[in-house]
Amino acid sequence: MKTDTICYEEKALISMLYLSSDMACKNKIKNIPTKYFSSLVQSFIKKYKTYEMKNLSVDSLLEENEYKSFLAEAFELPVVVLEENIDKYTKVLENRYYKNCIIELSNTPNELIKEKINELHSEVVKENDKSVKVADIKNLESLFYESLEENEVVKTGKFRLDKYLKFTKRDLHIIGARPGVGKSAFALYIALMMAQFSRGLFFSLEMPLKQIAQRIISNQTRIELDKLTNKEKFKELTTDEKELVNVLFKKLLRKSNLILYDGNFKIDELEEYIKNEKEINGLDYIVMDYLQLIKSNVNSKRYEQITDVSIRLKQIAKDYDIAVIALSQLSREIEKRADKDIYLADFRESGQIEQDASTILGLTTEPTTTEYKELMKVQILKNRQGQLGVMKYDYYKKNQTFFEA
């Protein structure tokens, strides 16, 4: 429900958004549900977040005619940027929103009242998701069908992956491997497959965007990666190969459902990107490469820091109704074993991953009789939505492609 009257609290919060130098306060304001604001302020906040995501100056919004009047009034207010003030103003806006919802109910035809009340109740319950839930066994049928709705799967379009793995929304999925096995390539392969059907974000904390771009082009065109990373070799591409690259660029310009980010991210910063994308464009999944590089808010031992990140990623999956796929770097100690397979115990040094994840995959590779490909074993070590086992892929490292073996 949108309202058109801009109240004092809205103006004060927008003023704080610009005045505050504290990122925690800014994020707190940006995390307020936009539905609590009036129509014009909703529009302003969405633009503000979009500008931030595109690294544009938010100050340019001050010159837009539709916002000038209310911004001028906002900046004249004698506000004090304190977290308790943000909480107080948010509560006022929340109360106003639900009061307006109740007023709207009074104008609803009798035959629709029950439906509207149920909608409002569901909305309140969703926002208080952390509250205790109680169910009677006689409600088993409704709970079961509700669970089917909640466990929506993000499809890859690949038979084995979709049949056996089921990358469910609201869950954390972990892909682990030692360095150099090809986990980034496999994760990018999954992300690209999902992008055919859904919208996703790919966060690279290790590899710069230029290298990711090269890998995507290699994967999608089947051109050897080496030819795309070397300027002289790129000049030697055949006419057909150059045409493949041009066709890919045109295709991506028309429609792209996968957004790429690189950098050194804190967990709070990642959540801000996710929240903005979900709110503005919609979002189905994210891929993190890789979990141990995400900075925690906990100043403690490495184990506790990784545990904190793992717990937060699991909560993010639930809060934003998305599938979270995170890569995990495993120790090189695995290479010293005669048995090169991966076990759940190999994840126990990495915080609480084993408990938090719904799905855990372990990747290993071994040479084949053909020098240009390796055999990748994808071990399904934990799978709450299906069975355990091993899937095998031919991994063509030269062009970053995978084919079911």
Protein backbone atom coordinates (compact mmCIF):
# COMPACT_ATOMS: atom_id res chain seq x y z
CA MET A 1 0.00 0.00 0.00
CA LYS A 2 1.39 3.38 -0.99
CA THR A 3 0.57 6.67 0.75
CA ASP A 4 1.06 10.10 -0.75
CA THR A 5 1.62 12.25 2.35
CA ILE A 6 5.31 12.60 3.26
CA CYS A 7 5.62 12.77 7.04
CA TYR A 8 8.32 14.20 9.32
CA GLU A 9 9.87 10.78 10.00
CA GLU A 10 10.40 10.07 6.29
CA LYS A 11 12.10 13.42 5.74
CA ALA A 12 14.26 12.91 8.82
CA LEU A 13 15.40 9.46 7.64
CA ILE A 14 16.29 10.73 4.15
CA SER A 15 18.21 13.62 5.72
CA MET A 16 20.12 11.12 7.89
CA LEU A 17 20.85 9.00 4.83
CA TYR A 18 22.79 11.89 3.31
CA LEU A 19 24.26 13.38 6.50
CA SER A 20 25.52 10.21 8.16
CA SER A 21 29.10 9.08 7.65
CA ASP A 22 28.38 5.84 9.52
CA MET A 23 27.81 2.97 7.06
CA ALA A 24 25.89 1.00 9.70
CA CYS A 25 23.36 3.84 10.04
CA LYS A 26 23.09 4.27 6.27
CA ASN A 27 22.50 0.54 5.79
CA LYS A 28 19.91 0.51 8.58
CA ILE A 29 17.93 3.21 6.76
CA LYS A 30 18.26 1.49 3.37
CA ASN A 31 17.06 -1.77 4.92
CA ILE A 32 13.73 -0.28 6.03
CA PRO A 33 10.97 -1.94 3.93
CA THR A 34 10.16 0.54 1.14
CA LYS A 35 6.43 -0.13 1.52
CA TYR A 36 6.51 1.89 4.77
CA PHE A 37 7.28 5.06 2.80
CA SER A 38 5.05 7.32 0.74
CA SER A 39 5.00 6.89 -3.05
CA LEU A 40 7.49 9.65 -3.83
CA VAL A 41 9.98 8.55 -1.17
CA GLN A 42 9.71 4.93 -2.38
CA SER A 43 10.67 6.13 -5.84
CA PHE A 44 13.57 8.17 -4.43
CA ILE A 45 14.99 5.30 -2.33
CA LYS A 46 14.85 2.85 -5.25
CA LYS A 47 16.75 5.34 -7.44
CA TYR A 48 19.24 6.00 -4.63
CA LYS A 49 20.00 2.26 -4.36
CA THR A 50 20.23 1.88 -8.13
CA TYR A 51 22.71 4.76 -8.37
CA GLU A 52 24.84 3.19 -5.63
CA MET A 53 24.85 -0.18 -7.38
CA LYS A 54 25.98 1.48 -10.63
CA ASN A 55 28.61 3.58 -8.79
CA LEU A 56 26.85 6.81 -9.81
CA SER A 57 26.83 9.90 -7.60
CA VAL A 58 23.70 9.94 -5.41
CA ASP A 59 24.15 13.71 -5.09
CA SER A 60 22.84 14.09 -8.65
CA LEU A 61 19.42 13.01 -7.32
CA LEU A 62 19.27 16.29 -5.42
CA GLU A 63 18.83 18.11 -8.72
CA GLU A 64 15.92 16.03 -10.00
CA ASN A 65 12.78 18.18 -10.11
CA GLU A 66 10.39 15.58 -8.69
CA TYR A 67 12.43 15.30 -5.47
CA LYS A 68 13.64 18.89 -5.00
CA SER A 69 10.76 20.10 -2.85
CA PHE A 70 10.68 17.32 -0.25
CA LEU A 71 14.51 17.11 -0.11
CA ALA A 72 14.72 20.84 0.62
CA GLU A 73 12.30 20.36 3.52
CA ALA A 74 14.22 17.28 4.72
CA PHE A 75 17.56 19.07 4.86
CA GLU A 76 16.07 21.92 6.91
CA LEU A 77 15.14 19.56 9.76
CA PRO A 78 17.37 19.62 12.88
CA VAL A 79 18.05 15.85 12.88
CA VAL A 80 20.51 13.89 15.02
CA VAL A 81 21.88 10.73 13.41
CA LEU A 82 21.50 8.06 16.08
CA GLU A 83 20.54 4.39 15.69
CA GLU A 84 17.80 4.76 18.30
CA ASN A 85 16.28 7.61 16.29
CA ILE A 86 16.29 5.44 13.16
CA ASP A 87 14.51 2.67 15.08
CA LYS A 88 11.99 5.13 16.52
CA TYR A 89 11.14 6.68 13.14
CA THR A 90 10.93 3.25 11.49
CA LYS A 91 8.40 2.13 14.11
CA VAL A 92 6.27 5.21 13.42
CA LEU A 93 6.28 4.44 9.67
CA GLU A 94 5.50 0.77 10.29
CA ASN A 95 2.51 1.67 12.50
CA ARG A 96 1.26 4.13 9.89
CA TYR A 97 1.51 1.51 7.16
CA TYR A 98 -0.53 -1.11 9.05
CA LYS A 99 -3.03 1.50 10.21
CA ASN A 100 -3.65 2.39 6.56
CA CYS A 101 -4.01 -1.31 5.75
CA ILE A 102 -6.75 -1.61 8.41
CA ILE A 103 -8.51 1.50 7.07
CA GLU A 104 -8.45 -0.06 3.61
CA LEU A 105 -10.03 -3.21 5.07
CA SER A 106 -13.02 -1.20 6.28
CA ASN A 107 -13.71 -0.24 2.66
CA THR A 108 -13.41 -3.80 1.37
CA PRO A 109 -16.55 -5.70 0.25
CA ASN A 110 -17.66 -8.32 2.80
CA GLU A 111 -16.98 -11.27 0.49
CA LEU A 112 -13.32 -10.21 0.18
CA ILE A 113 -12.68 -9.32 3.83
CA LYS A 114 -11.45 -12.80 4.84
CA GLU A 115 -9.06 -12.97 1.90
CA LYS A 116 -7.66 -9.51 2.68
CA ILE A 117 -7.23 -10.34 6.38
CA ASN A 118 -5.34 -13.52 5.47
CA GLU A 119 -3.07 -11.53 3.14
CA LEU A 120 -2.35 -9.00 5.87
CA HIS A 121 -1.73 -11.75 8.42
CA SER A 122 0.71 -13.49 6.06
CA GLU A 123 2.53 -10.21 5.54
CA VAL A 124 2.93 -9.64 9.27
CA VAL A 125 4.08 -13.23 9.86
CA LYS A 126 6.64 -12.97 7.05
CA GLU A 127 8.14 -9.84 8.59
CA ASN A 128 8.35 -11.51 11.98
CA ASP A 129 9.94 -14.65 10.57
CA LYS A 130 12.17 -15.06 13.61
CA SER A 131 9.19 -15.61 15.91
CA VAL A 132 8.48 -19.08 17.31
CA LYS A 133 6.28 -21.25 15.10
CA VAL A 134 3.86 -23.82 16.55
CA ALA A 135 1.89 -26.39 14.58
CA ASP A 136 -0.65 -29.06 15.46
CA ILE A 137 -0.29 -32.48 13.80
CA LYS A 138 -3.76 -32.02 12.27
CA ASN A 139 -2.26 -29.19 10.19
CA LEU A 140 0.18 -31.63 8.60
CA GLU A 141 -1.48 -31.42 5.17
CA SER A 142 -1.29 -27.63 4.94
CA LEU A 143 2.27 -27.62 6.32
CA PHE A 144 3.32 -30.19 3.73
CA TYR A 145 1.91 -28.24 0.77
CA GLU A 146 3.38 -25.04 2.20
CA SER A 147 6.80 -26.73 2.32
CA LEU A 148 6.48 -27.61 -1.37
CA GLU A 149 5.90 -23.94 -2.15
CA GLU A 150 8.88 -22.86 -0.04
CA ASN A 151 11.38 -25.33 -1.48
CA GLU A 152 11.43 -23.84 -4.95
CA VAL A 153 14.36 -25.15 -6.99
CA VAL A 154 16.64 -22.98 -9.11
CA LYS A 155 17.05 -25.07 -12.27
CA THR A 156 20.22 -25.49 -14.32
CA GLY A 157 18.59 -27.23 -17.28
CA LYS A 158 21.07 -30.10 -16.85
CA PHE A 159 19.39 -33.44 -16.16
CA ARG A 160 21.73 -34.85 -13.51
CA LEU A 161 22.17 -31.62 -11.58
CA ASP A 162 18.44 -30.91 -11.46
CA LYS A 163 17.46 -34.49 -10.66
CA TYR A 164 19.97 -35.31 -7.93
CA LEU A 165 21.05 -31.98 -6.43
CA LYS A 166 18.10 -29.58 -6.43
CA PHE A 167 19.56 -26.16 -5.65
CA THR A 168 16.66 -25.13 -3.43
CA LYS A 169 15.90 -21.55 -2.48
CA ARG A 170 16.18 -20.59 1.21
CA ASP A 171 19.12 -23.00 1.53
CA LEU A 172 22.92 -22.83 1.62
CA HIS A 173 24.77 -25.06 -0.85
CA ILE A 174 28.54 -25.64 -0.54
CA ILE A 175 31.03 -26.70 -3.23
CA GLY A 176 34.41 -27.66 -1.78
CA ALA A 177 37.74 -28.52 -3.38
CA ARG A 178 41.44 -28.04 -2.85
CA PRO A 179 43.18 -25.26 -4.86
CA GLY A 180 43.61 -25.76 -8.61
CA VAL A 181 40.91 -28.38 -9.13
CA GLY A 182 38.49 -26.18 -11.07
CA LYS A 183 35.86 -25.22 -8.50
CA SER A 184 35.62 -21.63 -9.84
CA ALA A 185 35.09 -22.96 -13.36
CA PHE A 186 32.44 -25.42 -12.13
CA ALA A 187 30.65 -22.72 -10.12
CA LEU A 188 30.65 -20.37 -13.10
CA TYR A 189 29.30 -23.21 -15.27
CA ILE A 190 26.41 -23.69 -12.82
CA ALA A 191 25.77 -19.93 -12.59
CA LEU A 192 25.62 -19.60 -16.39
CA MET A 193 23.25 -22.56 -16.69
CA MET A 194 20.95 -21.10 -14.01
CA ALA A 195 20.98 -17.70 -15.75
CA GLN A 196 19.02 -19.23 -18.64
CA PHE A 197 16.00 -19.55 -16.32
CA SER A 198 16.62 -17.29 -13.31
CA ARG A 199 18.35 -14.12 -12.15
CA GLY A 200 21.59 -14.35 -10.19
CA LEU A 201 24.64 -12.59 -8.77
CA PHE A 202 28.20 -13.94 -8.96
CA PHE A 203 30.62 -12.56 -6.36
CA SER A 204 34.30 -13.19 -7.04
CA LEU A 205 36.54 -12.45 -4.08
CA GLU A 206 39.61 -14.03 -5.66
CA MET A 207 39.51 -13.50 -9.43
CA PRO A 208 39.13 -10.06 -11.11
CA LEU A 209 36.19 -9.40 -13.41
CA LYS A 210 38.41 -9.35 -16.52
CA GLN A 211 39.42 -12.96 -15.94
CA ILE A 212 35.84 -14.00 -15.25
CA ALA A 213 34.79 -12.33 -18.52
CA GLN A 214 37.46 -14.27 -20.41
CA ARG A 215 36.26 -17.55 -18.87
CA ILE A 216 32.63 -16.83 -19.74
CA ILE A 217 33.52 -16.08 -23.36
CA SER A 218 35.62 -19.25 -23.55
CA ASN A 219 32.83 -21.34 -22.01
CA GLN A 220 30.10 -19.93 -24.23
CA THR A 221 32.02 -19.93 -27.55
CA ARG A 222 34.24 -23.03 -26.95
CA ILE A 223 37.27 -20.91 -27.95
CA GLU A 224 40.40 -21.86 -26.02
CA LEU A 225 40.92 -19.63 -22.99
CA ASP A 226 44.56 -19.06 -23.89
CA LYS A 227 43.49 -17.31 -27.12
CA LEU A 228 41.30 -14.91 -25.13
CA THR A 229 43.91 -13.94 -22.53
CA ASN A 230 46.73 -13.20 -24.97
CA LYS A 231 46.40 -10.16 -27.25
CA GLU A 232 48.62 -11.59 -30.00
CA LYS A 233 46.77 -14.91 -30.04
CA PHE A 234 43.41 -13.09 -30.07
CA LYS A 235 44.44 -11.38 -33.31
CA GLU A 236 44.96 -14.82 -34.83
CA LEU A 237 41.36 -15.94 -34.23
CA THR A 238 39.62 -17.22 -37.33
CA THR A 239 36.76 -15.26 -38.89
CA ASP A 240 34.30 -17.83 -37.54
CA GLU A 241 35.73 -17.54 -34.01
CA LYS A 242 35.51 -13.73 -34.09
CA GLU A 243 31.91 -14.01 -35.27
CA LEU A 244 31.12 -16.32 -32.33
CA VAL A 245 32.45 -13.67 -29.93
CA ASN A 246 30.42 -10.91 -31.61
CA VAL A 247 27.23 -13.00 -31.56
CA LEU A 248 27.76 -13.68 -27.84
CA PHE A 249 28.18 -9.96 -27.08
CA LYS A 250 24.96 -9.15 -28.96
CA LYS A 251 23.13 -11.90 -27.10
CA LEU A 252 24.34 -10.60 -23.72
CA LEU A 253 23.35 -7.05 -24.65
CA ARG A 254 19.79 -8.22 -25.35
CA LYS A 255 19.39 -10.10 -22.11
CA SER A 256 21.66 -10.91 -19.22
CA ASN A 257 20.41 -12.53 -16.03
CA LEU A 258 23.81 -12.86 -14.34
CA ILE A 259 25.46 -9.86 -12.67
CA LEU A 260 29.17 -10.10 -11.80
CA TYR A 261 30.99 -8.44 -8.90
CA ASP A 262 34.59 -8.62 -7.75
CA GLY A 263 36.30 -7.19 -4.67
CA ASN A 264 37.07 -7.74 -1.01
CA PHE A 265 33.63 -7.92 0.58
CA LYS A 266 32.44 -7.88 4.15
CA ILE A 267 29.38 -10.01 4.84
CA ASP A 268 27.30 -6.87 5.52
CA GLU A 269 28.30 -5.39 2.15
CA LEU A 270 27.33 -8.59 0.35
CA GLU A 271 23.93 -8.56 2.02
CA GLU A 272 23.39 -4.94 0.94
CA TYR A 273 24.04 -5.83 -2.73
CA ILE A 274 21.71 -8.82 -2.42
CA LYS A 275 18.94 -6.82 -0.75
CA ASN A 276 19.10 -4.06 -3.37
CA GLU A 277 19.06 -6.49 -6.29
CA LYS A 278 16.18 -8.49 -4.80
CA GLU A 279 14.15 -5.35 -4.21
CA ILE A 280 14.82 -3.60 -7.52
CA ASN A 281 15.14 -6.38 -10.11
CA GLY A 282 14.29 -9.63 -8.33
CA LEU A 283 16.81 -12.35 -7.48
CA ASP A 284 16.82 -16.17 -7.42
CA TYR A 285 20.38 -17.22 -6.58
CA ILE A 286 23.88 -16.04 -5.71
CA VAL A 287 27.29 -17.68 -6.10
CA MET A 288 30.22 -16.80 -3.78
CA ASP A 289 33.80 -17.55 -4.82
CA TYR A 290 34.86 -18.23 -2.14
CA LEU A 291 33.51 -18.36 1.43
CA GLN A 292 36.77 -18.13 3.40
CA LEU A 293 37.60 -14.77 1.75
CA ILE A 294 34.40 -13.08 2.98
CA LYS A 295 35.20 -10.77 5.88
CA SER A 296 33.34 -11.45 9.10
CA ASN A 297 32.13 -8.96 11.71
CA VAL A 298 33.60 -11.19 14.41
CA ASN A 299 37.05 -10.25 15.71
CA SER A 300 38.06 -13.70 16.84
CA LYS A 301 39.80 -16.86 15.71
CA ARG A 302 39.56 -17.86 12.07
CA TYR A 303 37.24 -20.78 12.89
CA GLU A 304 34.72 -18.44 14.58
CA GLN A 305 34.94 -15.94 11.70
CA ILE A 306 34.15 -18.58 9.07
CA THR A 307 31.36 -19.93 11.28
CA ASP A 308 29.88 -16.43 11.49
CA VAL A 309 29.98 -16.04 7.69
CA SER A 310 28.43 -19.49 7.18
CA ILE A 311 25.57 -18.74 9.57
CA ARG A 312 24.95 -15.35 7.92
CA LEU A 313 24.86 -16.88 4.43
CA LYS A 314 22.32 -19.43 5.59
CA GLN A 315 20.18 -16.63 7.05
CA ILE A 316 20.53 -14.55 3.88
CA ALA A 317 19.19 -17.50 1.86
CA LYS A 318 16.08 -17.56 4.07
CA ASP A 319 15.57 -13.81 4.40
CA TYR A 320 15.72 -13.14 0.64
CA ASP A 321 14.23 -16.42 -0.61
CA ILE A 322 17.25 -17.29 -2.75
CA ALA A 323 19.61 -20.22 -3.27
CA VAL A 324 23.06 -19.38 -1.88
CA ILE A 325 25.92 -21.34 -3.48
CA ALA A 326 29.28 -20.81 -1.78
CA LEU A 327 32.64 -22.28 -2.70
CA SER A 328 34.90 -23.55 0.07
CA GLN A 329 38.66 -23.87 -0.16
CA LEU A 330 39.87 -27.15 1.31
CA SER A 331 43.34 -27.87 2.66
CA ARG A 332 46.11 -29.19 0.41
CA GLU A 333 46.56 -31.92 3.03
CA ILE A 334 44.07 -33.94 0.95
CA GLU A 335 46.75 -34.28 -1.74
CA LYS A 336 49.01 -36.13 0.70
CA ARG A 337 46.47 -38.91 1.21
CA ALA A 338 46.54 -42.04 -0.89
CA ASP A 339 42.77 -41.69 -1.13
CA LYS A 340 42.13 -38.37 -2.90
CA ASP A 341 38.36 -38.43 -2.29
CA ILE A 342 36.78 -35.70 -0.17
CA TYR A 343 34.85 -36.42 3.03
CA LEU A 344 32.58 -34.31 5.23
CA ALA A 345 35.35 -34.32 7.84
CA ASP A 346 37.47 -32.24 5.43
CA PHE A 347 35.02 -29.35 5.94
CA ARG A 348 35.21 -29.39 9.74
CA GLU A 349 38.21 -27.07 9.87
CA SER A 350 36.10 -24.50 8.02
CA GLY A 351 33.74 -23.36 10.75
CA GLN A 352 30.21 -24.70 10.93
CA ILE A 353 29.75 -25.32 7.20
CA GLU A 354 28.93 -29.00 7.64
CA GLN A 355 25.92 -28.18 9.86
CA ASP A 356 24.70 -25.07 8.02
CA ALA A 357 24.64 -26.39 4.46
CA SER A 358 21.73 -28.29 2.92
CA THR A 359 23.95 -29.58 0.13
CA ILE A 360 27.70 -30.23 0.18
CA LEU A 361 29.65 -31.19 -2.93
CA GLY A 362 33.30 -32.22 -3.11
CA LEU A 363 35.22 -31.84 -6.38
CA THR A 364 38.25 -33.89 -7.41
CA THR A 365 39.92 -34.36 -10.79
CA GLU A 366 42.04 -37.08 -12.31
CA PRO A 367 43.86 -37.30 -15.65
CA THR A 368 42.43 -39.18 -18.62
CA THR A 369 44.02 -40.83 -21.64
CA THR A 370 43.24 -37.62 -23.56
CA GLU A 371 45.63 -34.78 -22.64
CA TYR A 372 43.14 -31.94 -23.21
CA LYS A 373 40.52 -33.12 -20.73
CA GLU A 374 40.29 -34.26 -17.13
CA LEU A 375 37.69 -36.37 -15.36
CA MET A 376 35.98 -34.36 -12.62
CA LYS A 377 34.23 -36.28 -9.87
CA VAL A 378 31.41 -34.38 -8.16
CA GLN A 379 30.81 -36.16 -4.85
CA ILE A 380 27.42 -35.46 -3.25
CA LEU A 381 28.46 -35.66 0.41
CA LYS A 382 25.34 -34.17 1.97
CA ASN A 383 21.94 -33.74 0.36
CA ARG A 384 18.84 -32.94 2.40
CA GLN A 385 16.69 -32.91 -0.74
CA GLY A 386 17.92 -36.12 -2.34
CA GLN A 387 20.42 -38.94 -2.47
CA LEU A 388 24.18 -39.15 -2.05
CA GLY A 389 26.51 -40.39 -4.75
CA VAL A 390 29.01 -39.36 -7.42
CA MET A 391 28.50 -37.59 -10.75
CA LYS A 392 31.28 -37.54 -13.34
CA TYR A 393 32.09 -34.82 -15.87
CA ASP A 394 34.60 -34.43 -18.67
CA TYR A 395 36.31 -31.13 -17.83
CA TYR A 396 37.88 -29.37 -20.80
CA LYS A 397 40.15 -26.90 -19.06
CA LYS A 398 41.18 -25.18 -22.29
CA ASN A 399 37.70 -23.78 -22.88
CA GLN A 400 36.22 -24.09 -19.38
CA THR A 401 33.46 -26.50 -20.40
CA PHE A 402 31.89 -29.51 -18.69
CA PHE A 403 30.06 -32.47 -20.21
CA GLU A 404 28.38 -35.34 -18.39
CA ALA A 405 30.67 -38.38 -18.60
